[in-house]
Amino acid sequence: MCNAKIKSIEEMSQIITQGKANGVHFVHCHGVFDLVHPGHINHFESAKKHGDKLIVSITPDCFVNKGPGRPAFKQDARLKQLACLNCVDYVVLNDQPDAVSLIKTLRAQSYAKGVEYSQHHKDVTGKIAQEVGAVESVGGQIVYTDGEVFSSSELINQFIDKDAQRMAPFVAKLRSYADLASIQETVNKFQDLTIMLVGDAILDSYQYVTPLGQSGKGQHICATLEQGELFLGGSLIVANHLASFVKEVILVTCVGEHCPHLSWIKQKLAPNVRPHFICHAQLDTLIKKRYIFKDGEYLHKIFETYSHNQDLLDHHQTQDLVKFIEQQGSEVDAIFVSDFGNGFTNPMLTQALSSTPTFLALNTQTNSGNRGFNVVTHYSRADFISLNEPEVRLAAHDRTSPLATVCHDLSQLMSCSLLAATRGTKGALIIAGQDQWEIPIFTDYAIDRVGAGDSFFALASLAASVKAHPLIVGLLGSAAAAIKVHSIGNKQAVERTSFLKYIIRLVK
């Protein structure tokens, strides 16, 4: 009986067309409906009073962009639970991220939303206004239903989501310093920023293999190559992480003059990223090629190669770049440095960056390409520093002292008022003057951790640049990292709307 109510978009369109010819008034509701609660029941019953038949459409799993672990219930389960409600006549699975095209296809006479959606300016997605426009374009009417408002996200956080339950003490502490409105206001401040981003350009190549075993004529492992993917990496992906949030990103980096991927790089960069490329005449853009065994959703890295690993800028190129930074640096709101230690930066450049009076955020990475020689103390100052724990300890030459002590010492050495030390599964530590703040890990499930630190740096630096509270700095950085580890490689940059939805879900 319940399953009979579940219709395809095509079937539903035909039913509405035939019904309207016979005088039937259809009311359409749309949402994720991850956990049906009394508020939804009241909404459906109130909506149906405006017509004869009630249609409820849902967002498919692939477009539920509320962060890791959502939806809590898959689309088949959500369809069935709605179909079992007496007040619901038909249930439809949408095939788009929002309801706009579905509204125009179904053309129901009424479209119902809860009264909490009547103030369109509070909608972080901007889609409610578009939905209203779609309803009006097909001659329909928008109706708002009253009733007690519940939150599926809040209920799931409280009773189902183990990540949310683990984070509850942190969220409680955060609420004592900032409410959801002030957090959203912080993110909104980013929209007016122009950021200069300086750092190594990297392309991440994933080569998926199936191991065959040890060679019969040597000690090496053999594998069959199945397929490959290429992603933006290094400062290229950090630029895209920033782009969704800010007015403009000026990307300063080095690429190969004859790099076969140069047009692809330009195409993949967000429209508001303005590249300032220094071109290397002999070397192509650095490619880090990882050979990976894919076990279901999990990735096991077997081997990695670098296409090159040497200094990229000659003296004249460095001089020109220093002049560019000095001229443009005073006209931007902040300078972020993603220093991967793969040959782009040099002493003259680090000195110039340290000398700028503009807000300066630093991330200097230790990796196999620089063997620990790339440390943040190559710079003489910073306003914000984001490193992982081993990078902090390398820079401070301290393996054994408590991390907080090491961070305080490094902050003083760098004349830096705010420092974030990420700790993998242990979360992050934020140091602000003499104060310190523990940030828990937001998700314990990760498909691929590559790039998590880059996304943390991007969003945490933005928050630091607008002088947000240290807890908000940690919140935004950790949320970005949690989103990142749920995808393979740098397939997608952190995107503002889905990021805000995740923040709202976390803090509710």
Protein backbone atom coordinates (compact mmCIF):
# COMPACT_ATOMS: atom_id res chain seq x y z
CA MET A 1 0.00 0.00 0.00
CA CYS A 2 2.72 2.48 1.01
CA ASN A 3 4.97 1.67 -1.94
CA ALA A 4 2.10 2.39 -4.34
CA LYS A 5 2.33 6.07 -3.34
CA ILE A 6 5.93 6.33 -4.53
CA LYS A 7 5.98 7.73 -8.07
CA SER A 8 8.59 8.75 -10.60
CA ILE A 9 8.69 12.37 -11.74
CA GLU A 10 7.16 11.38 -15.09
CA GLU A 11 4.34 9.40 -13.43
CA MET A 12 3.60 12.23 -11.03
CA SER A 13 3.50 14.79 -13.82
CA GLN A 14 0.88 12.72 -15.68
CA ILE A 15 -1.19 12.22 -12.53
CA ILE A 16 -1.25 15.98 -11.88
CA THR A 17 -2.15 16.82 -15.48
CA GLN A 18 -5.06 14.35 -15.45
CA GLY A 19 -6.17 15.37 -11.95
CA LYS A 20 -6.18 19.10 -12.71
CA ALA A 21 -8.43 18.38 -15.72
CA ASN A 22 -10.90 16.85 -13.26
CA GLY A 23 -10.71 19.74 -10.79
CA VAL A 24 -8.24 18.21 -8.33
CA HIS A 25 -6.07 20.72 -6.43
CA PHE A 26 -2.52 19.48 -5.73
CA VAL A 27 -0.26 20.78 -2.96
CA HIS A 28 3.49 20.18 -3.20
CA CYS A 29 5.99 20.03 -0.29
CA HIS A 30 9.73 19.47 -0.72
CA GLY A 31 12.69 18.80 1.56
CA VAL A 32 15.22 16.26 2.76
CA PHE A 33 12.99 14.90 5.53
CA ASP A 34 15.86 12.94 7.02
CA LEU A 35 14.00 12.25 10.25
CA VAL A 36 10.22 12.70 10.19
CA HIS A 37 9.08 14.39 13.40
CA PRO A 38 5.86 16.01 14.74
CA GLY A 39 6.74 19.30 13.07
CA HIS A 40 6.74 17.60 9.66
CA ILE A 41 3.37 15.93 10.38
CA ASN A 42 1.84 19.28 11.33
CA HIS A 43 3.35 20.85 8.19
CA PHE A 44 1.92 18.15 5.91
CA GLU A 45 -1.52 18.23 7.51
CA SER A 46 -1.67 22.04 7.32
CA ALA A 47 -0.44 22.01 3.72
CA LYS A 48 -3.08 19.53 2.64
CA LYS A 49 -5.83 21.85 3.89
CA HIS A 50 -4.98 24.09 0.94
CA GLY A 51 -5.91 21.41 -1.62
CA ASP A 52 -7.13 17.88 -2.27
CA LYS A 53 -3.96 15.85 -2.80
CA LEU A 54 -0.56 16.23 -1.11
CA ILE A 55 2.69 15.49 -2.95
CA VAL A 56 5.93 15.29 -0.97
CA SER A 57 9.21 15.27 -2.91
CA ILE A 58 12.60 14.61 -1.34
CA THR A 59 16.20 15.48 -2.15
CA PRO A 60 18.19 12.43 -3.32
CA ASP A 61 21.13 11.24 -1.20
CA CYS A 62 23.72 12.52 -3.69
CA PHE A 63 22.52 16.12 -3.28
CA VAL A 64 22.10 16.25 0.50
CA ASN A 65 24.98 18.62 1.22
CA LYS A 66 24.76 18.94 4.99
CA GLY A 67 28.22 17.55 5.65
CA PRO A 68 29.65 14.17 6.65
CA GLY A 69 27.21 11.46 7.72
CA ARG A 70 24.11 12.95 6.15
CA PRO A 71 21.53 11.97 5.28
CA ALA A 72 21.24 9.73 8.32
CA PHE A 73 18.58 7.75 6.43
CA LYS A 74 19.01 6.81 2.77
CA GLN A 75 16.54 7.93 0.13
CA ASP A 76 14.64 4.61 -0.08
CA ALA A 77 13.97 4.68 3.67
CA ARG A 78 12.94 8.34 3.53
CA LEU A 79 10.55 7.68 0.65
CA LYS A 80 8.93 4.78 2.44
CA GLN A 81 8.46 6.53 5.79
CA LEU A 82 6.74 9.45 4.05
CA ALA A 83 4.56 7.13 1.95
CA CYS A 84 3.30 5.46 5.14
CA LEU A 85 1.78 8.73 6.39
CA ASN A 86 -1.99 8.91 5.87
CA CYS A 87 -1.93 12.62 5.05
CA VAL A 88 0.54 12.10 2.18
CA ASP A 89 -0.94 10.99 -1.15
CA TYR A 90 2.18 10.77 -3.32
CA VAL A 91 5.95 10.70 -2.75
CA VAL A 92 8.54 11.61 -5.40
CA LEU A 93 12.34 11.38 -5.51
CA ASN A 94 13.77 14.52 -7.08
CA ASP A 95 16.72 14.26 -9.49
CA GLN A 96 18.20 17.73 -8.89
CA PRO A 97 19.90 19.51 -5.96
CA ASP A 98 16.90 21.82 -5.43
CA ALA A 99 13.18 21.88 -6.13
CA VAL A 100 13.14 24.63 -8.77
CA SER A 101 13.04 22.44 -11.89
CA LEU A 102 10.70 19.94 -10.20
CA ILE A 103 8.22 22.71 -9.35
CA LYS A 104 8.19 23.73 -13.01
CA THR A 105 7.75 20.12 -14.16
CA LEU A 106 4.97 19.10 -11.75
CA ARG A 107 3.11 22.45 -11.83
CA ALA A 108 1.06 21.81 -8.67
CA GLN A 109 -1.39 24.61 -7.86
CA SER A 110 0.13 25.22 -4.39
CA TYR A 111 3.63 24.91 -2.95
CA ALA A 112 3.93 24.78 0.85
CA LYS A 113 6.81 25.74 3.12
CA GLY A 114 7.01 26.15 6.87
CA VAL A 115 6.56 29.67 8.21
CA GLU A 116 10.23 29.70 9.25
CA TYR A 117 11.09 29.91 5.52
CA SER A 118 9.00 33.02 4.87
CA GLN A 119 11.97 35.32 5.56
CA HIS A 120 13.98 34.62 2.42
CA HIS A 121 17.01 36.69 3.45
CA LYS A 122 17.74 34.19 6.23
CA ASP A 123 18.04 31.29 3.78
CA VAL A 124 21.77 30.52 3.41
CA THR A 125 21.18 28.67 0.12
CA GLY A 126 19.23 31.43 -1.58
CA LYS A 127 17.00 28.73 -3.03
CA ILE A 128 13.74 29.60 -1.26
CA ALA A 129 13.39 32.81 -3.28
CA GLN A 130 14.11 30.82 -6.46
CA GLU A 131 11.46 28.25 -5.51
CA VAL A 132 8.90 31.01 -4.97
CA GLY A 133 9.80 32.44 -8.38
CA ALA A 134 9.34 29.01 -9.98
CA VAL A 135 5.92 28.58 -8.33
CA GLU A 136 4.76 31.96 -9.57
CA SER A 137 6.13 31.26 -13.07
CA VAL A 138 3.74 28.29 -13.45
CA GLY A 139 0.74 30.16 -12.01
CA GLY A 140 0.90 28.54 -8.60
CA GLN A 141 0.67 30.01 -5.14
CA ILE A 142 3.07 29.77 -2.22
CA VAL A 143 1.57 28.96 1.19
CA TYR A 144 3.29 29.01 4.57
CA THR A 145 2.19 26.66 7.32
CA ASP A 146 2.24 27.53 11.02
CA GLY A 147 2.98 25.20 13.90
CA GLU A 148 5.66 24.28 16.39
CA VAL A 149 9.06 24.12 14.68
CA PHE A 150 11.31 21.13 15.27
CA SER A 151 14.74 20.45 13.77
CA SER A 152 15.68 17.12 12.18
CA SER A 153 19.35 18.08 12.46
CA GLU A 154 19.03 18.82 16.16
CA LEU A 155 17.18 15.55 16.83
CA ILE A 156 19.70 13.51 14.82
CA ASN A 157 22.57 15.25 16.62
CA GLN A 158 21.02 14.44 19.98
CA PHE A 159 19.90 10.86 19.46
CA ILE A 160 21.56 9.30 16.39
CA ASP A 161 24.77 10.99 15.25
CA LYS A 162 27.72 9.71 17.30
CA ASP A 163 29.99 12.47 15.96
CA ALA A 164 27.53 15.10 17.20
CA GLN A 165 27.24 13.42 20.59
CA ARG A 166 31.03 13.37 20.95
CA MET A 167 31.20 17.04 19.99
CA ALA A 168 28.42 18.15 22.35
CA PRO A 169 30.77 19.55 25.06
CA PHE A 170 32.64 21.60 22.45
CA VAL A 171 29.39 22.94 20.94
CA ALA A 172 28.16 23.89 24.42
CA LYS A 173 31.38 25.82 25.07
CA LEU A 174 31.17 27.46 21.63
CA ARG A 175 27.62 28.66 22.33
CA SER A 176 28.83 30.51 25.41
CA TYR A 177 30.99 32.68 23.13
CA ALA A 178 29.08 32.77 19.85
CA ASP A 179 25.60 31.92 18.60
CA LEU A 180 24.75 30.65 15.14
CA ALA A 181 23.92 34.14 13.88
CA SER A 182 27.35 35.51 14.83
CA ILE A 183 29.07 32.52 13.20
CA GLN A 184 27.13 33.12 9.98
CA GLU A 185 27.97 36.82 10.23
CA THR A 186 31.66 35.89 10.42
CA VAL A 187 31.39 33.84 7.22
CA ASN A 188 29.47 36.66 5.54
CA LYS A 189 32.36 39.03 6.23
CA PHE A 190 34.55 36.92 3.94
CA GLN A 191 32.52 37.99 0.88
CA ASP A 192 34.19 41.41 0.73
CA LEU A 193 37.76 40.12 1.06
CA THR A 194 40.47 40.08 -1.58
CA ILE A 195 43.11 37.49 -0.68
CA MET A 196 46.58 37.10 -2.12
CA LEU A 197 47.58 33.44 -2.00
CA VAL A 198 51.25 32.56 -2.47
CA GLY A 199 52.48 28.99 -2.74
CA ASP A 200 53.54 25.92 -4.71
CA ALA A 201 51.38 24.76 -7.62
CA ILE A 202 50.91 21.00 -7.47
CA LEU A 203 48.90 18.51 -9.51
CA ASP A 204 47.82 15.38 -7.67
CA SER A 205 47.69 12.29 -9.87
CA TYR A 206 45.91 9.24 -8.47
CA GLN A 207 46.81 5.99 -10.23
CA TYR A 208 44.49 3.20 -9.10
CA VAL A 209 46.14 -0.22 -9.13
CA THR A 210 45.43 -3.81 -8.20
CA PRO A 211 48.45 -5.47 -6.55
CA LEU A 212 49.65 -8.71 -8.15
CA GLY A 213 52.30 -9.62 -5.61
CA GLN A 214 56.08 -9.73 -5.43
CA SER A 215 58.02 -9.97 -8.66
CA GLY A 216 59.45 -13.38 -9.47
CA LYS A 217 62.74 -11.73 -10.47
CA GLY A 218 63.23 -9.15 -7.72
CA GLN A 219 62.04 -7.73 -4.43
CA HIS A 220 59.56 -5.22 -5.84
CA ILE A 221 55.76 -5.42 -5.87
CA CYS A 222 53.89 -5.61 -9.18
CA ALA A 223 50.40 -4.28 -9.90
CA THR A 224 48.00 -3.75 -12.75
CA LEU A 225 47.11 -0.13 -13.55
CA GLU A 226 43.30 0.23 -13.65
CA GLN A 227 42.64 3.95 -14.13
CA GLY A 228 43.88 7.39 -13.18
CA GLU A 229 42.55 10.77 -12.05
CA LEU A 230 44.12 14.21 -11.94
CA PHE A 231 43.25 16.84 -9.31
CA LEU A 232 44.35 20.35 -8.48
CA GLY A 233 46.71 20.35 -5.51
CA GLY A 234 48.88 22.67 -3.48
CA SER A 235 48.04 26.36 -3.74
CA LEU A 236 45.76 25.64 -6.72
CA ILE A 237 43.18 23.81 -4.61
CA VAL A 238 43.61 26.20 -1.67
CA ALA A 239 42.68 29.01 -4.08
CA ASN A 240 39.47 27.18 -4.98
CA HIS A 241 38.67 26.51 -1.30
CA LEU A 242 38.86 30.27 -0.72
CA ALA A 243 37.09 31.29 -3.93
CA SER A 244 33.57 30.27 -2.87
CA PHE A 245 33.78 32.54 0.19
CA VAL A 246 35.64 35.68 -0.89
CA LYS A 247 35.43 38.44 -3.47
CA GLU A 248 38.68 37.59 -5.24
CA VAL A 249 41.79 35.42 -4.89
CA ILE A 250 45.06 36.58 -6.44
CA LEU A 251 47.02 33.36 -6.88
CA VAL A 252 50.79 33.74 -7.04
CA THR A 253 52.58 30.55 -8.06
CA CYS A 254 54.92 28.87 -10.56
CA VAL A 255 53.81 26.61 -13.41
CA GLY A 256 55.58 25.04 -16.34
CA GLU A 257 55.72 27.31 -19.38
CA HIS A 258 55.07 24.32 -21.63
CA CYS A 259 53.02 22.34 -19.11
CA PRO A 260 50.54 20.14 -21.04
CA HIS A 261 48.01 20.67 -18.25
CA LEU A 262 48.16 24.48 -18.18
CA SER A 263 44.86 25.08 -19.98
CA TRP A 264 43.20 22.43 -17.79
CA ILE A 265 44.52 24.20 -14.66
CA LYS A 266 43.10 27.54 -15.82
CA GLN A 267 39.78 25.89 -16.60
CA LYS A 268 39.57 24.22 -13.18
CA LEU A 269 40.36 27.37 -11.20
CA ALA A 270 37.26 29.21 -9.95
CA PRO A 271 36.20 32.27 -11.97
CA ASN A 272 37.17 34.71 -9.20
CA VAL A 273 40.72 33.31 -8.93
CA ARG A 274 43.09 35.67 -10.74
CA PRO A 275 46.32 33.78 -11.45
CA HIS A 276 49.70 35.48 -11.46
CA PHE A 277 51.80 32.67 -12.94
CA ILE A 278 55.57 32.66 -13.02
CA CYS A 279 56.45 30.28 -15.83
CA HIS A 280 59.38 27.89 -15.67
CA ALA A 281 61.00 27.37 -19.07
CA GLN A 282 62.35 23.86 -18.47
CA LEU A 283 60.13 22.17 -15.87
CA ASP A 284 56.46 21.28 -16.05
CA THR A 285 54.10 21.96 -13.16
CA LEU A 286 54.95 19.62 -10.28
CA ILE A 287 52.97 16.37 -10.38
CA LYS A 288 52.77 14.19 -7.29
CA LYS A 289 51.73 10.77 -8.55
CA ARG A 290 50.28 8.37 -5.99
CA TYR A 291 49.72 4.68 -6.73
CA ILE A 292 46.65 3.61 -4.81
CA PHE A 293 44.86 0.36 -4.04
CA LYS A 294 41.15 1.07 -3.78
CA ASP A 295 39.40 -1.20 -1.29
CA GLY A 296 35.75 -0.22 -1.55
CA GLU A 297 35.57 3.37 -0.30
CA TYR A 298 38.96 3.16 1.39
CA LEU A 299 42.26 4.11 -0.23
CA HIS A 300 45.60 2.47 0.52
CA LYS A 301 48.57 4.39 -0.84
CA ILE A 302 51.34 2.09 -2.06
CA PHE A 303 53.91 4.39 -3.65
CA GLU A 304 54.43 8.04 -4.62
CA THR A 305 56.61 9.88 -7.13
CA TYR A 306 57.45 13.56 -7.71
CA SER A 307 57.92 14.77 -11.29
CA HIS A 308 60.68 17.06 -9.98
CA ASN A 309 61.89 18.56 -6.72
CA GLN A 310 64.20 21.54 -7.15
CA ASP A 311 64.32 25.33 -6.82
CA LEU A 312 61.97 26.98 -9.29
CA LEU A 313 62.72 30.71 -9.24
CA ASP A 314 65.94 32.33 -10.44
CA HIS A 315 67.18 35.62 -8.98
CA HIS A 316 65.46 37.86 -11.53
CA GLN A 317 62.13 36.03 -11.21
CA THR A 318 62.34 36.34 -7.43
CA GLN A 319 63.05 40.06 -7.69
CA ASP A 320 60.07 40.56 -9.99
CA LEU A 321 57.85 38.54 -7.65
CA VAL A 322 58.99 40.50 -4.59
CA LYS A 323 58.18 43.74 -6.42
CA PHE A 324 54.72 42.38 -7.32
CA ILE A 325 54.02 41.39 -3.70
CA GLU A 326 55.18 44.77 -2.43
CA GLN A 327 52.95 46.60 -4.92
CA GLN A 328 49.86 44.41 -4.62
CA GLY A 329 50.23 43.38 -0.97
CA SER A 330 49.03 46.70 0.40
CA GLU A 331 45.90 46.56 -1.79
CA VAL A 332 44.63 43.17 -0.58
CA ASP A 333 42.98 42.36 2.73
CA ALA A 334 45.29 39.48 3.62
CA ILE A 335 48.15 37.37 2.32
CA PHE A 336 47.99 33.61 2.80
CA VAL A 337 51.07 31.49 2.17
CA SER A 338 50.71 27.78 1.34
CA ASP A 339 54.38 26.80 1.44
CA PHE A 340 54.76 23.13 0.51
CA GLY A 341 58.55 23.35 0.42
CA ASN A 342 58.75 22.03 -3.14
CA GLY A 343 60.95 24.76 -4.59
CA PHE A 344 58.74 27.81 -5.02
CA THR A 345 59.77 29.83 -1.96
CA ASN A 346 63.32 30.97 -1.19
CA PRO A 347 64.97 33.23 1.44
CA MET A 348 64.43 36.44 -0.55
CA LEU A 349 60.73 35.66 -1.01
CA THR A 350 60.12 34.62 2.62
CA GLN A 351 61.80 37.81 3.80
CA ALA A 352 59.59 39.93 1.55
CA LEU A 353 56.46 38.16 2.76
CA SER A 354 57.52 38.57 6.40
CA SER A 355 58.07 42.29 5.85
CA THR A 356 54.60 43.00 4.53
CA PRO A 357 52.36 44.98 6.92
CA THR A 358 49.30 43.14 5.56
CA PHE A 359 47.67 40.36 7.60
CA LEU A 360 49.84 37.28 7.03
CA ALA A 361 48.75 33.67 7.46
CA LEU A 362 51.34 30.89 7.10
CA ASN A 363 51.17 27.18 6.44
CA THR A 364 54.57 25.55 5.90
CA GLN A 365 54.35 21.85 5.23
CA THR A 366 56.78 19.08 5.97
CA ASN A 367 56.70 16.30 3.38
CA SER A 368 58.96 13.79 1.69
CA GLY A 369 60.01 16.42 -0.83
CA ASN A 370 61.66 18.68 1.74
CA ARG A 371 62.62 16.12 4.43
CA GLY A 372 61.77 18.42 7.31
CA PHE A 373 63.81 21.40 6.15
CA ASN A 374 60.73 23.48 5.35
CA VAL A 375 59.82 25.08 8.69
CA VAL A 376 57.78 28.13 9.58
CA THR A 377 60.75 29.82 11.25
CA HIS A 378 62.11 30.60 7.78
CA TYR A 379 59.66 33.48 8.11
CA SER A 380 60.20 36.14 10.78
CA ARG A 381 56.58 36.88 11.67
CA ALA A 382 52.96 35.97 11.10
CA ASP A 383 49.49 36.98 12.26
CA PHE A 384 48.18 33.41 12.01
CA ILE A 385 49.99 30.09 11.69
CA SER A 386 48.41 26.73 10.85
CA LEU A 387 50.58 23.60 11.14
CA ASN A 388 50.18 19.99 12.15
CA GLU A 389 51.77 18.80 15.38
CA PRO A 390 54.96 17.33 13.82
CA GLU A 391 55.50 20.59 11.90
CA VAL A 392 55.11 22.59 15.12
CA ARG A 393 57.62 20.39 16.94
CA LEU A 394 60.13 20.48 14.05
CA ALA A 395 60.00 24.26 13.93
CA ALA A 396 60.48 24.51 17.70
CA HIS A 397 63.06 21.67 17.87
CA ASP A 398 61.05 20.12 20.70
CA ARG A 399 59.86 16.51 20.58
CA THR A 400 58.84 15.98 24.19
CA SER A 401 57.29 19.06 25.83
CA PRO A 402 53.48 19.34 26.03
CA LEU A 403 52.12 20.56 22.72
CA ALA A 404 50.56 23.65 24.29
CA THR A 405 53.95 24.67 25.68
CA VAL A 406 55.61 24.19 22.29
CA CYS A 407 52.86 26.21 20.56
CA HIS A 408 53.19 29.08 23.05
CA ASP A 409 56.96 29.13 22.55
CA LEU A 410 56.63 29.11 18.77
CA SER A 411 54.00 31.86 18.85
CA GLN A 412 56.32 34.09 20.86
CA LEU A 413 59.25 33.34 18.57
CA MET A 414 57.17 34.26 15.50
CA SER A 415 55.44 37.26 17.14
CA CYS A 416 52.21 35.49 16.22
CA SER A 417 49.03 36.11 18.20
CA LEU A 418 47.11 33.08 16.89
CA LEU A 419 48.34 29.56 16.11
CA ALA A 420 46.47 26.37 15.19
CA ALA A 421 48.07 22.95 15.61
CA THR A 422 46.11 20.16 13.92
CA ARG A 423 46.45 16.70 15.45
CA GLY A 424 44.73 14.27 13.08
CA THR A 425 42.24 12.11 14.96
CA LYS A 426 42.91 14.13 18.14
CA GLY A 427 41.43 17.30 16.68
CA ALA A 428 43.20 20.65 16.92
CA LEU A 429 44.71 23.00 19.49
CA ILE A 430 44.23 26.76 19.11
CA ILE A 431 46.65 29.09 20.91
CA ALA A 432 45.67 32.75 21.30
CA GLY A 433 48.10 34.66 23.50
CA GLN A 434 48.08 32.88 26.86
CA ASP A 435 44.76 31.15 26.15
CA GLN A 436 44.30 27.75 24.55
CA TRP A 437 41.29 25.98 23.08
CA GLU A 438 40.80 22.29 22.33
CA ILE A 439 38.85 21.51 19.15
CA PRO A 440 37.65 17.89 18.80
CA ILE A 441 37.76 15.98 15.54
CA PHE A 442 34.44 16.49 13.74
CA THR A 443 34.29 13.08 12.05
CA ASP A 444 36.09 9.80 12.69
CA TYR A 445 35.31 8.48 9.20
CA ALA A 446 37.69 9.43 6.40
CA ILE A 447 37.91 8.27 2.79
CA ASP A 448 41.05 10.26 2.01
CA ARG A 449 42.97 12.59 4.35
CA VAL A 450 45.04 14.21 1.58
CA GLY A 451 44.28 17.94 1.54
CA ALA A 452 42.57 18.10 4.95
CA GLY A 453 45.23 20.46 6.28
CA ASP A 454 44.89 22.70 3.21
CA SER A 455 41.13 23.10 3.68
CA PHE A 456 41.62 23.72 7.42
CA PHE A 457 44.19 26.41 6.63
CA ALA A 458 41.94 28.12 4.07
CA LEU A 459 38.88 28.56 6.28
CA ALA A 460 40.71 29.07 9.57
CA SER A 461 42.84 31.79 7.94
CA LEU A 462 39.75 33.59 6.67
CA ALA A 463 38.25 33.54 10.16
CA ALA A 464 41.51 34.75 11.69
CA SER A 465 41.80 37.57 9.14
CA VAL A 466 38.45 39.06 10.28
CA LYS A 467 39.48 38.67 13.95
CA ALA A 468 36.95 35.95 14.77
CA HIS A 469 36.99 34.33 18.19
CA PRO A 470 39.58 31.50 18.36
CA LEU A 471 36.80 28.94 18.83
CA ILE A 472 35.20 30.10 15.56
CA VAL A 473 38.61 29.88 13.87
CA GLY A 474 38.86 26.27 15.04
CA LEU A 475 35.24 25.52 14.18
CA LEU A 476 35.47 26.74 10.58
CA GLY A 477 38.85 25.13 9.92
CA SER A 478 37.80 21.78 11.39
CA ALA A 479 34.48 21.80 9.54
CA ALA A 480 36.29 22.36 6.23
CA ALA A 481 38.67 19.49 6.99
CA ALA A 482 35.77 17.18 7.92
CA ILE A 483 34.06 17.90 4.60
CA LYS A 484 37.31 17.33 2.71
CA VAL A 485 38.13 13.87 4.13
CA HIS A 486 34.84 12.49 2.81
CA SER A 487 35.93 12.77 -0.81
CA ILE A 488 38.71 11.24 -2.91
CA GLY A 489 41.61 13.58 -3.54
CA ASN A 490 40.79 17.20 -4.25
CA LYS A 491 37.85 16.30 -6.44
CA GLN A 492 35.78 19.13 -4.96
CA ALA A 493 36.66 22.37 -3.24
CA VAL A 494 34.87 23.39 -0.06
CA GLU A 495 31.75 25.22 -1.21
CA ARG A 496 30.08 28.02 0.76
CA THR A 497 26.44 26.88 0.76
CA SER A 498 27.09 23.28 1.76
CA PHE A 499 29.68 24.50 4.28
CA LEU A 500 27.14 26.79 5.94
CA LYS A 501 24.56 23.99 5.99
CA TYR A 502 27.10 21.81 7.77
CA ILE A 503 27.87 24.57 10.30
CA ILE A 504 24.16 25.06 10.98
CA ARG A 505 23.73 21.33 11.48
CA LEU A 506 26.71 21.16 13.87
CA VAL A 507 25.71 24.10 16.03
CA LYS A 508 21.96 23.42 16.24
